Amino acid sequence: MFKSLKILEYKNISELEIDKVPRILLVGGKNNAGKSTLLEAIFLAMDGLSPDIVSRHFSWRGVGQIMFDPDYWWRPSFHDYDFSKNIQISLEDDRRKWLALSIAYIDNHVASNLATNQKFPPDFRTQSGVTSSAPPSKALKITTKYAGNEIQESYLVMQQQGAIHQVVKSENTSATRPAVYIASIARTMPQEDAARYSRLDLENNTESVLQAIKIIEPRVQSLSVVALGEQATIHASIEGFSRKVPISLMGDGVARLVSIILSIITTPKGVILIDEIENGIHHSKLPDFWRVIKTAVESAESQLVATTHSYECLSAAARIFTSDDDGLFAYIRLDRARNSNMIKPIRYSPKELKDALDAEYEVR
């Protein structure tokens, strides 16, 4: 798990630093304070070689098709839309070593800079039939370092026929950890949940998923993966029903809860990032929800970072996490200074959060 993080020049965050990150971190703040951006930045740092590294956030935020142009495809990821300032995201692990991602825009990237083992033509034929060297292209240089040593380097090159991902260097390392991002407006694909559940079923390790779903729907008696055609989905046997029901038809709360629990359990020692974690969960069920989350995270030895707008979600967390959980849980409110790009993280221990809520202070 990571203990500290630093973000520079990414989207609406000019600079942000958070220390003493616990195993479970809940993040709040007003609109546009940088909560979702924080989650996206962490995922970026842990997924540096993905070819859609700076574009997948569009789908997470419900954005449809984007014009294939650097100004629309890449520039929104740079703070203040400024290509001259490199994106820098760093995570410090429990060995006090930093995993550092840097993304730089290159306006005139030439073919000679590309890796020779990638399929990229060294020249192209003009309309006149004369062979010329490849023209300069727009590109992003993506570099990852661990403990000061470069472990990954790649280029994302934009050409008329599409984007090409050129991997120059990629070393196997224990520095990176698996990560899962669950957006606020969407849940994971039912097929992905079915695959995760099947892995647990093979290990006879599905009881925790069943107990989690009973928080919302106590009539559920069992879960199973059913293949219909080419797709497999999780179905539930429900008391009083004559046939099994796909969990995707049981409401957003049930499906989202299953996605969250499956992501945690099947990503041991990984990082789970959840935007607006309370979505779909009735406020009366939130204490039980947090109790299940706590157990799952500790069992998987994973790390969870989630955002919330909900007072009820905070209140439920304050009931479940006590002063004995100082190293396990913390709440951070991101405060953006008025008329400023500066973001200040205000930290609350479990006891401080409970005391603030009891005193009816506004902590969201």
Protein backbone atom coordinates (compact mmCIF):
# COMPACT_ATOMS: atom_id res chain seq x y z
CA MET A 1 0.00 0.00 0.00
CA PHE A 2 1.09 3.58 -0.49
CA LYS A 3 1.69 5.94 2.43
CA SER A 4 2.03 9.35 0.77
CA LEU A 5 1.12 10.97 -2.52
CA LYS A 6 2.02 14.08 -4.49
CA ILE A 7 0.15 15.45 -7.51
CA LEU A 8 1.37 18.31 -9.71
CA GLU A 9 -0.33 19.93 -12.71
CA TYR A 10 -3.04 17.32 -13.23
CA LYS A 11 -6.47 18.52 -14.34
CA ASN A 12 -7.90 20.87 -11.67
CA ILE A 13 -5.11 20.09 -9.19
CA SER A 14 -2.11 22.41 -9.42
CA GLU A 15 -0.45 20.91 -6.36
CA LEU A 16 -1.61 18.46 -3.70
CA GLU A 17 0.30 16.44 -1.12
CA ILE A 18 -1.16 13.95 1.36
CA ASP A 19 0.88 12.13 3.99
CA LYS A 20 0.09 9.20 6.29
CA VAL A 21 -2.42 7.61 3.93
CA PRO A 22 -4.16 4.78 5.84
CA ARG A 23 -5.52 1.50 4.53
CA ILE A 24 -8.99 3.05 4.16
CA LEU A 25 -9.12 6.72 3.15
CA LEU A 26 -12.42 8.55 2.70
CA VAL A 27 -12.25 11.87 0.84
CA GLY A 28 -14.77 14.71 0.87
CA GLY A 29 -14.97 18.32 -0.21
CA LYS A 30 -17.13 20.73 -2.16
CA ASN A 31 -17.83 20.44 -5.86
CA ASN A 32 -14.73 20.82 -8.04
CA ALA A 33 -12.43 20.41 -5.04
CA GLY A 34 -10.53 17.63 -6.82
CA LYS A 35 -11.99 14.48 -5.23
CA SER A 36 -12.51 12.48 -8.42
CA THR A 37 -9.30 13.87 -9.88
CA LEU A 38 -7.41 12.53 -6.87
CA LEU A 39 -8.70 9.01 -7.57
CA GLU A 40 -7.90 9.29 -11.27
CA ALA A 41 -4.37 10.47 -10.49
CA ILE A 42 -3.69 7.48 -8.24
CA PHE A 43 -4.94 5.13 -10.95
CA LEU A 44 -2.75 6.85 -13.54
CA ALA A 45 0.36 6.32 -11.44
CA MET A 46 -0.41 2.62 -11.10
CA ASP A 47 -1.30 2.07 -14.76
CA GLY A 48 1.43 3.96 -16.58
CA LEU A 49 1.68 1.67 -19.61
CA SER A 50 -1.98 1.67 -20.60
CA PRO A 51 -2.44 3.19 -24.09
CA ASP A 52 -5.59 5.02 -22.96
CA ILE A 53 -3.85 6.41 -19.88
CA VAL A 54 -5.03 10.00 -20.40
CA SER A 55 -8.38 9.39 -22.09
CA ARG A 56 -10.22 6.75 -20.05
CA HIS A 57 -11.35 9.40 -17.56
CA PHE A 58 -13.82 10.62 -20.20
CA SER A 59 -15.84 7.40 -19.93
CA TRP A 60 -15.60 7.45 -16.12
CA ARG A 61 -17.24 10.87 -16.18
CA GLY A 62 -19.88 9.97 -18.75
CA VAL A 63 -18.33 11.92 -21.63
CA GLY A 64 -19.15 10.52 -25.07
CA GLN A 65 -17.10 10.77 -28.23
CA ILE A 66 -14.20 13.22 -28.23
CA MET A 67 -12.65 14.86 -31.29
CA PHE A 68 -9.38 13.09 -32.12
CA ASP A 69 -7.12 16.06 -31.59
CA PRO A 70 -4.55 16.80 -28.83
CA ASP A 71 -6.48 19.88 -27.75
CA TYR A 72 -9.54 17.76 -26.98
CA TRP A 73 -8.02 14.33 -26.31
CA TRP A 74 -5.01 15.22 -24.12
CA ARG A 75 -5.08 18.86 -23.10
CA PRO A 76 -7.91 18.48 -20.50
CA SER A 77 -5.59 16.27 -18.42
CA PHE A 78 -3.06 19.09 -18.04
CA HIS A 79 -3.70 21.69 -15.36
CA ASP A 80 -5.20 24.87 -16.81
CA TYR A 81 -4.98 23.14 -20.23
CA ASP A 82 -1.28 24.08 -20.23
CA PHE A 83 0.86 21.64 -22.23
CA SER A 84 4.06 23.34 -21.05
CA LYS A 85 3.73 21.96 -17.51
CA ASN A 86 4.33 18.24 -17.09
CA ILE A 87 1.90 16.07 -15.14
CA GLN A 88 3.68 14.53 -12.16
CA ILE A 89 2.11 11.97 -9.82
CA SER A 90 4.12 10.23 -7.09
CA LEU A 91 3.20 7.53 -4.58
CA GLU A 92 5.43 6.54 -1.64
CA ASP A 93 5.13 2.90 -0.57
CA ASP A 94 5.60 1.33 2.84
CA ARG A 95 9.30 0.83 2.02
CA ARG A 96 9.62 4.62 1.74
CA LYS A 97 10.35 4.37 -1.98
CA TRP A 98 8.59 6.59 -4.50
CA LEU A 99 6.77 5.46 -7.64
CA ALA A 100 6.78 8.56 -9.86
CA LEU A 101 4.83 9.05 -13.11
CA SER A 102 5.58 11.93 -15.48
CA ILE A 103 3.60 12.84 -18.60
CA ALA A 104 5.05 15.43 -21.00
CA TYR A 105 3.59 16.80 -24.23
CA ILE A 106 5.85 16.80 -27.30
CA ASP A 107 4.74 19.03 -30.15
CA ASN A 108 7.24 17.75 -32.73
CA HIS A 109 7.93 14.10 -32.09
CA VAL A 110 9.86 12.41 -34.90
CA ALA A 111 9.97 8.75 -35.88
CA SER A 112 13.65 8.36 -35.03
CA ASN A 113 12.75 8.76 -31.37
CA LEU A 114 10.48 5.73 -31.43
CA ALA A 115 11.33 2.24 -30.26
CA THR A 116 12.66 0.07 -33.08
CA ASN A 117 10.72 -2.98 -31.94
CA GLN A 118 7.37 -1.31 -32.50
CA LYS A 119 5.37 -1.45 -35.71
CA PHE A 120 5.83 2.07 -36.95
CA PRO A 121 6.86 2.74 -40.59
CA PRO A 122 10.24 4.50 -40.88
CA ASP A 123 8.99 6.45 -43.88
CA PHE A 124 5.82 7.19 -45.75
CA ARG A 125 4.90 7.75 -49.38
CA THR A 126 3.57 11.15 -50.33
CA GLN A 127 0.85 11.73 -52.89
CA SER A 128 3.55 12.52 -55.49
CA GLY A 129 5.08 9.09 -55.00
CA VAL A 130 8.29 10.44 -53.49
CA THR A 131 9.51 8.65 -50.36
CA SER A 132 10.17 10.99 -47.43
CA SER A 133 11.05 10.66 -43.78
CA ALA A 134 8.11 10.48 -41.39
CA PRO A 135 6.73 13.93 -40.46
CA PRO A 136 6.76 15.20 -36.86
CA SER A 137 3.81 14.05 -34.79
CA LYS A 138 2.10 15.14 -31.60
CA ALA A 139 2.96 12.83 -28.74
CA LEU A 140 2.98 12.26 -25.00
CA LYS A 141 6.11 10.97 -23.32
CA ILE A 142 5.15 8.79 -20.35
CA THR A 143 7.87 7.92 -17.85
CA THR A 144 7.71 5.94 -14.62
CA LYS A 145 10.50 5.83 -12.06
CA TYR A 146 10.82 3.79 -8.90
CA ALA A 147 13.29 4.75 -6.17
CA GLY A 148 14.82 7.17 -8.67
CA ASN A 149 15.41 4.52 -11.36
CA GLU A 150 13.50 4.60 -14.63
CA ILE A 151 11.43 1.43 -15.03
CA GLN A 152 9.03 2.40 -17.82
CA GLU A 153 9.15 4.73 -20.80
CA SER A 154 6.65 4.97 -23.62
CA TYR A 155 5.24 7.38 -26.18
CA LEU A 156 1.63 7.85 -27.16
CA VAL A 157 1.84 9.19 -30.72
CA MET A 158 -1.12 10.83 -32.46
CA GLN A 159 -1.29 10.39 -36.22
CA GLN A 160 -3.97 10.86 -38.83
CA GLN A 161 -4.81 7.16 -38.87
CA GLY A 162 -4.98 6.94 -35.08
CA ALA A 163 -2.84 6.78 -31.97
CA ILE A 164 0.17 4.47 -31.67
CA HIS A 165 1.55 3.37 -28.31
CA GLN A 166 5.33 2.94 -28.42
CA VAL A 167 6.81 1.09 -25.43
CA VAL A 168 10.51 1.92 -25.22
CA LYS A 169 11.26 0.40 -21.83
CA SER A 170 9.30 -1.78 -19.44
CA GLU A 171 10.94 -3.56 -16.54
CA ASN A 172 9.16 -6.07 -14.35
CA THR A 173 9.06 -4.68 -10.85
CA SER A 174 7.25 -5.15 -7.59
CA ALA A 175 6.81 -1.39 -7.39
CA THR A 176 3.39 -1.38 -9.05
CA ARG A 177 0.25 -2.85 -7.53
CA PRO A 178 -3.00 -3.91 -9.20
CA ALA A 179 -5.66 -1.21 -9.09
CA VAL A 180 -9.40 -1.07 -9.75
CA TYR A 181 -11.40 2.11 -10.41
CA ILE A 182 -15.17 2.17 -9.88
CA ALA A 183 -16.76 5.35 -11.24
CA SER A 184 -19.68 7.14 -9.64
CA ILE A 185 -21.96 6.97 -12.67
CA ALA A 186 -21.31 3.39 -13.72
CA ARG A 187 -20.62 0.00 -12.27
CA THR A 188 -18.23 -2.57 -13.60
CA MET A 189 -19.31 -4.78 -16.48
CA PRO A 190 -21.50 -7.73 -15.39
CA GLN A 191 -19.13 -10.06 -17.25
CA GLU A 192 -16.18 -8.79 -15.20
CA ASP A 193 -18.10 -9.36 -11.98
CA ALA A 194 -19.00 -12.87 -13.16
CA ALA A 195 -15.35 -13.65 -13.90
CA ARG A 196 -14.27 -12.39 -10.48
CA TYR A 197 -17.01 -14.35 -8.73
CA SER A 198 -16.05 -17.51 -10.64
CA ARG A 199 -12.46 -17.22 -9.41
CA LEU A 200 -13.72 -16.99 -5.83
CA ASP A 201 -16.12 -19.89 -6.39
CA LEU A 202 -13.25 -22.12 -7.48
CA GLU A 203 -11.58 -21.37 -4.15
CA ASN A 204 -14.80 -21.86 -2.13
CA ASN A 205 -14.49 -18.23 -1.05
CA THR A 206 -17.85 -16.70 -1.96
CA GLU A 207 -19.49 -16.49 1.46
CA SER A 208 -18.36 -12.90 2.07
CA VAL A 209 -20.02 -11.80 -1.19
CA LEU A 210 -23.30 -13.45 -0.18
CA GLN A 211 -23.22 -11.82 3.26
CA ALA A 212 -22.54 -8.44 1.67
CA ILE A 213 -25.51 -8.65 -0.68
CA LYS A 214 -27.77 -9.65 2.24
CA ILE A 215 -27.16 -6.17 3.69
CA ILE A 216 -29.42 -4.75 0.99
CA GLU A 217 -31.54 -7.78 0.10
CA PRO A 218 -31.77 -10.25 3.01
CA ARG A 219 -33.97 -12.62 0.96
CA VAL A 220 -31.02 -13.65 -1.21
CA GLN A 221 -30.22 -17.30 -0.46
CA SER A 222 -27.36 -18.02 -2.85
CA LEU A 223 -25.40 -16.67 -5.82
CA SER A 224 -24.22 -18.42 -8.97
CA VAL A 225 -22.80 -17.60 -12.39
CA VAL A 226 -25.15 -18.41 -15.27
CA ALA A 227 -23.98 -18.44 -18.90
CA LEU A 228 -26.62 -17.36 -21.40
CA GLY A 229 -25.28 -17.40 -24.93
CA GLU A 230 -21.80 -15.90 -24.96
CA GLN A 231 -22.27 -13.89 -21.77
CA ALA A 232 -22.05 -15.02 -18.16
CA THR A 233 -23.60 -13.02 -15.33
CA ILE A 234 -24.17 -13.46 -11.61
CA HIS A 235 -27.67 -14.59 -10.66
CA ALA A 236 -29.30 -14.71 -7.22
CA SER A 237 -31.70 -17.23 -5.74
CA ILE A 238 -34.25 -15.14 -3.84
CA GLU A 239 -36.72 -16.43 -1.29
CA GLY A 240 -40.21 -16.41 -2.78
CA PHE A 241 -39.02 -16.40 -6.42
CA SER A 242 -39.40 -19.47 -8.62
CA ARG A 243 -36.28 -18.78 -10.69
CA LYS A 244 -32.94 -17.03 -10.32
CA VAL A 245 -32.66 -13.29 -10.98
CA PRO A 246 -29.67 -11.47 -12.54
CA ILE A 247 -28.20 -9.14 -9.94
CA SER A 248 -28.01 -6.44 -12.61
CA LEU A 249 -31.83 -6.38 -12.45
CA MET A 250 -31.94 -6.08 -8.66
CA GLY A 251 -31.17 -2.37 -8.57
CA ASP A 252 -28.05 -0.24 -8.71
CA GLY A 253 -27.33 -0.65 -5.01
CA VAL A 254 -27.10 -4.45 -5.14
CA ALA A 255 -25.06 -4.55 -8.35
CA ARG A 256 -22.69 -1.81 -7.18
CA LEU A 257 -22.16 -3.43 -3.78
CA VAL A 258 -21.31 -6.76 -5.43
CA SER A 259 -18.86 -4.99 -7.76
CA ILE A 260 -17.16 -3.28 -4.82
CA ILE A 261 -16.81 -6.41 -2.69
CA LEU A 262 -15.63 -8.53 -5.61
CA SER A 263 -13.06 -5.88 -6.56
CA ILE A 264 -11.65 -5.81 -3.04
CA ILE A 265 -11.50 -9.57 -2.49
CA THR A 266 -10.02 -10.38 -5.92
CA THR A 267 -7.38 -7.63 -5.74
CA PRO A 268 -5.25 -8.70 -2.77
CA LYS A 269 -2.62 -6.15 -1.78
CA GLY A 270 -4.03 -3.89 -4.50
CA VAL A 271 -5.69 -0.48 -4.49
CA ILE A 272 -9.44 0.01 -4.92
CA LEU A 273 -10.60 3.48 -5.97
CA ILE A 274 -14.31 4.27 -5.68
CA ASP A 275 -15.98 7.54 -6.62
CA GLU A 276 -19.02 8.39 -4.46
CA ILE A 277 -18.92 5.11 -2.59
CA GLU A 278 -22.36 5.60 -1.02
CA ASN A 279 -24.23 5.60 -4.36
CA GLY A 280 -27.13 3.15 -4.38
CA ILE A 281 -26.88 2.30 -0.67
CA HIS A 282 -29.78 3.35 1.58
CA HIS A 283 -28.60 5.42 4.55
CA SER A 284 -29.97 2.88 7.04
CA LYS A 285 -27.69 0.21 5.54
CA LEU A 286 -24.50 2.28 5.57
CA PRO A 287 -23.17 1.12 8.99
CA ASP A 288 -23.43 -2.53 7.90
CA PHE A 289 -21.95 -1.56 4.54
CA TRP A 290 -18.88 -0.02 6.21
CA ARG A 291 -18.54 -3.03 8.49
CA VAL A 292 -18.36 -5.35 5.47
CA ILE A 293 -15.93 -3.03 3.67
CA LYS A 294 -13.66 -2.93 6.71
CA THR A 295 -13.58 -6.71 6.99
CA ALA A 296 -12.98 -7.24 3.27
CA VAL A 297 -10.15 -4.70 3.03
CA GLU A 298 -8.35 -6.09 6.07
CA SER A 299 -8.78 -9.67 4.87
CA ALA A 300 -7.42 -8.89 1.37
CA GLU A 301 -4.68 -6.64 2.77
CA SER A 302 -5.75 -4.16 0.12
CA GLN A 303 -6.13 -0.40 0.24
CA LEU A 304 -9.29 1.59 -0.45
CA VAL A 305 -9.58 5.25 -1.37
CA ALA A 306 -13.12 6.53 -1.86
CA THR A 307 -14.95 9.82 -2.18
CA THR A 308 -18.30 10.88 -0.74
CA HIS A 309 -20.72 13.79 -0.65
CA SER A 310 -22.95 12.12 1.92
CA TYR A 311 -23.33 13.17 5.54
CA GLU A 312 -24.95 9.80 6.27
CA CYS A 313 -21.96 8.00 4.77
CA LEU A 314 -19.57 9.95 7.01
CA SER A 315 -21.75 9.40 10.06
CA ALA A 316 -21.90 5.65 9.43
CA ALA A 317 -18.14 5.47 8.99
CA ALA A 318 -17.64 7.36 12.26
CA ARG A 319 -19.79 4.73 14.02
CA ILE A 320 -17.80 1.78 12.65
CA PHE A 321 -14.24 3.12 12.83
CA THR A 322 -13.17 3.98 16.38
CA SER A 323 -10.09 5.49 17.98
CA ASP A 324 -8.54 2.01 17.80
CA ASP A 325 -8.58 2.34 14.01
CA ASP A 326 -6.30 5.39 13.75
CA GLY A 327 -3.89 3.57 11.45
CA LEU A 328 -6.68 1.92 9.48
CA PHE A 329 -9.07 4.77 8.63
CA ALA A 330 -8.97 8.51 8.07
CA TYR A 331 -11.20 11.13 6.49
CA ILE A 332 -9.75 14.00 4.48
CA ARG A 333 -11.66 17.05 3.28
CA LEU A 334 -10.17 18.83 0.29
CA ASP A 335 -10.50 22.58 0.74
CA ARG A 336 -9.86 24.87 -2.21
CA ALA A 337 -8.98 28.42 -1.24
CA ARG A 338 -11.32 31.03 -2.67
CA ASN A 339 -10.11 32.43 -6.01
CA SER A 340 -7.07 30.16 -5.83
CA ASN A 341 -5.82 26.88 -7.26
CA MET A 342 -4.36 25.83 -3.92
CA ILE A 343 -5.96 22.75 -2.35
CA LYS A 344 -5.47 22.02 1.33
CA PRO A 345 -6.22 18.55 2.75
CA ILE A 346 -7.87 18.70 6.19
CA ARG A 347 -7.37 15.40 8.00
CA TYR A 348 -9.71 13.81 10.57
CA SER A 349 -8.88 10.75 12.63
CA PRO A 350 -11.83 8.46 13.49
CA LYS A 351 -12.27 10.22 16.85
CA GLU A 352 -11.93 13.70 15.34
CA LEU A 353 -14.53 12.87 12.71
CA LYS A 354 -16.97 11.56 15.32
CA ASP A 355 -16.42 14.60 17.56
CA ALA A 356 -16.93 16.99 14.64
CA LEU A 357 -20.14 15.27 13.58
CA ASP A 358 -21.43 15.20 17.17
CA ALA A 359 -20.78 18.94 17.38
CA GLU A 360 -22.64 19.38 14.06
CA TYR A 361 -19.64 20.92 12.32
CA GLU A 362 -19.74 20.90 8.53
CA VAL A 363 -17.01 18.50 7.49
CA ARG A 364 -18.08 17.62 3.96
